[in-house]
Amino acid sequence: MLLTVLSACIAYALANGPLRSLAVRLLGTKLKPVENKLAKRSFRNVLIVRLFPVGSNLITNAVAGVLSVPFAPFIVASAIGFAPQTFLFTLLGSGSRFVSSLEQPLQIGGLIISLLLLLSLSGIARRSEPS
């Protein structure tokens, strides 16, 4: 997990430097409205993306860097979001046919908790959107 967070830091730094310069040259002022919207709830937005089981970490890191999402909320939300994935992948990584009777309920419980978190975060996001 430490290496995953470190790689997110490196990708963010590269995207915030050279890739951002390129994006600003190509898109100019079109980036500002998106940057402003993401900056308001950057922690929540990054956490939702990280907890969502499908997606690309590289794209998330690059978009956050290019759009200058504040680094501290980005990395803290990323670390929190990586934790459930890392835990589940670790449990599943040894092979499901060797799962002990103790690990199986942990895997199922972890999956259920992840899904409930995802559903509750998307509900919070819907309620916080201005009408």
Protein backbone atom coordinates (compact mmCIF):
# COMPACT_ATOMS: atom_id res chain seq x y z
CA MET A 1 0.00 0.00 0.00
CA LEU A 2 2.91 2.32 0.73
CA LEU A 3 4.20 1.81 -2.81
CA THR A 4 0.74 2.48 -4.23
CA VAL A 5 0.53 5.80 -2.36
CA LEU A 6 4.10 6.66 -3.39
CA SER A 7 3.33 5.95 -7.05
CA ALA A 8 0.21 8.16 -6.77
CA CYS A 9 2.46 10.96 -5.44
CA ILE A 10 4.90 10.58 -8.32
CA ALA A 11 2.19 10.46 -10.99
CA TYR A 12 0.48 13.50 -9.42
CA ALA A 13 3.76 15.45 -9.40
CA LEU A 14 4.46 14.65 -13.05
CA ALA A 15 0.92 15.54 -14.05
CA ASN A 16 1.03 18.76 -12.04
CA GLY A 17 4.24 19.84 -13.77
CA PRO A 18 4.92 18.95 -17.41
CA LEU A 19 1.48 17.52 -18.22
CA ARG A 20 -0.30 20.53 -16.71
CA SER A 21 1.82 22.90 -18.82
CA LEU A 22 0.78 21.01 -21.94
CA ALA A 23 -2.89 20.99 -20.91
CA VAL A 24 -2.86 24.73 -20.20
CA ARG A 25 -1.32 25.41 -23.63
CA LEU A 26 -3.91 23.22 -25.36
CA LEU A 27 -7.03 24.10 -23.38
CA GLY A 28 -6.22 27.49 -21.87
CA THR A 29 -8.98 29.01 -19.78
CA LYS A 30 -11.30 26.04 -20.28
CA LEU A 31 -9.56 24.33 -17.35
CA LYS A 32 -10.46 27.00 -14.78
CA PRO A 33 -14.18 26.15 -14.27
CA VAL A 34 -13.36 22.47 -13.81
CA GLU A 35 -10.48 23.28 -11.43
CA ASN A 36 -12.71 25.51 -9.32
CA LYS A 37 -15.43 22.87 -9.09
CA LEU A 38 -12.99 20.09 -8.10
CA ALA A 39 -11.13 22.24 -5.57
CA LYS A 40 -14.30 22.81 -3.51
CA ARG A 41 -14.76 19.15 -2.56
CA SER A 42 -11.47 17.62 -3.59
CA PHE A 43 -11.18 15.20 -0.65
CA ARG A 44 -14.68 13.80 -1.19
CA ASN A 45 -14.28 13.56 -4.96
CA VAL A 46 -10.96 11.72 -4.78
CA LEU A 47 -12.27 9.39 -2.07
CA ILE A 48 -15.32 8.46 -4.14
CA VAL A 49 -13.14 7.70 -7.15
CA ARG A 50 -10.71 5.63 -5.06
CA LEU A 51 -13.47 3.60 -3.39
CA PHE A 52 -15.15 2.87 -6.69
CA PRO A 53 -13.95 -0.62 -7.64
CA VAL A 54 -13.56 0.10 -11.36
CA GLY A 55 -11.28 2.76 -12.71
CA SER A 56 -7.77 3.70 -13.56
CA ASN A 57 -5.47 4.97 -10.84
CA LEU A 58 -3.15 6.48 -13.44
CA ILE A 59 -5.96 8.52 -14.98
CA THR A 60 -7.15 9.65 -11.54
CA ASN A 61 -3.63 10.75 -10.58
CA ALA A 62 -3.12 12.54 -13.89
CA VAL A 63 -6.45 14.37 -13.81
CA ALA A 64 -5.89 15.44 -10.19
CA GLY A 65 -2.43 16.75 -11.06
CA VAL A 66 -3.45 18.54 -14.24
CA LEU A 67 -6.43 20.16 -12.54
CA SER A 68 -4.31 21.17 -9.51
CA VAL A 69 -6.40 19.34 -6.94
CA PRO A 70 -4.76 20.29 -3.60
CA PHE A 71 -2.08 17.71 -2.78
CA ALA A 72 -2.90 17.03 0.90
CA PRO A 73 -6.59 16.15 0.36
CA PHE A 74 -5.63 14.17 -2.75
CA ILE A 75 -3.06 11.98 -1.01
CA VAL A 76 -5.05 11.46 2.23
CA ALA A 77 -8.22 10.52 0.33
CA SER A 78 -6.16 8.26 -1.93
CA ALA A 79 -4.58 6.44 1.02
CA ILE A 80 -7.96 5.95 2.69
CA GLY A 81 -9.50 4.79 -0.58
CA PHE A 82 -6.65 2.37 -1.29
CA ALA A 83 -7.01 0.65 2.11
CA PRO A 84 -10.18 -1.41 1.42
CA GLN A 85 -8.93 -2.41 -2.04
CA THR A 86 -5.56 -3.46 -0.68
CA PHE A 87 -7.17 -5.46 2.11
CA LEU A 88 -9.53 -7.30 -0.23
CA PHE A 89 -6.87 -7.94 -2.87
CA THR A 90 -4.54 -9.29 -0.19
CA LEU A 91 -7.18 -11.71 1.07
CA LEU A 92 -8.07 -12.81 -2.45
CA GLY A 93 -4.49 -12.90 -3.69
CA SER A 94 -3.61 -16.20 -2.05
CA GLY A 95 -6.26 -17.97 -4.10
CA SER A 96 -9.86 -18.61 -3.22
CA ARG A 97 -9.48 -22.38 -3.05
CA PHE A 98 -7.14 -21.98 -0.07
CA VAL A 99 -9.41 -19.60 1.83
CA SER A 100 -9.83 -20.61 5.44
CA SER A 101 -13.19 -20.63 7.14
CA LEU A 102 -12.17 -17.42 8.95
CA GLU A 103 -11.10 -15.52 5.83
CA GLN A 104 -14.23 -16.23 3.81
CA PRO A 105 -16.58 -14.19 6.04
CA LEU A 106 -13.95 -11.40 6.14
CA GLN A 107 -13.86 -11.28 2.35
CA ILE A 108 -17.64 -11.23 2.02
CA GLY A 109 -17.96 -8.66 4.83
CA GLY A 110 -15.29 -6.46 3.26
CA LEU A 111 -17.04 -6.57 -0.08
CA ILE A 112 -20.38 -5.67 1.51
CA ILE A 113 -18.82 -2.81 3.50
CA SER A 114 -17.12 -1.48 0.34
CA LEU A 115 -20.39 -1.55 -1.57
CA LEU A 116 -22.26 0.18 1.28
CA LEU A 117 -19.59 2.87 1.50
CA LEU A 118 -19.77 3.43 -2.21
CA LEU A 119 -23.56 3.70 -2.15
CA SER A 120 -23.55 6.08 0.83
CA LEU A 121 -20.89 8.30 -0.75
CA SER A 122 -22.80 8.52 -4.02
CA GLY A 123 -25.96 9.42 -2.04
CA ILE A 124 -24.06 12.18 -0.23
CA ALA A 125 -22.77 13.44 -3.57
CA ARG A 126 -26.29 13.59 -5.01
CA ARG A 127 -27.65 15.47 -2.00
CA SER A 128 -24.82 18.02 -2.04
CA GLU A 129 -25.29 18.94 -5.70
CA PRO A 130 -27.00 22.32 -6.11
CA SER A 131 -30.45 22.13 -7.67
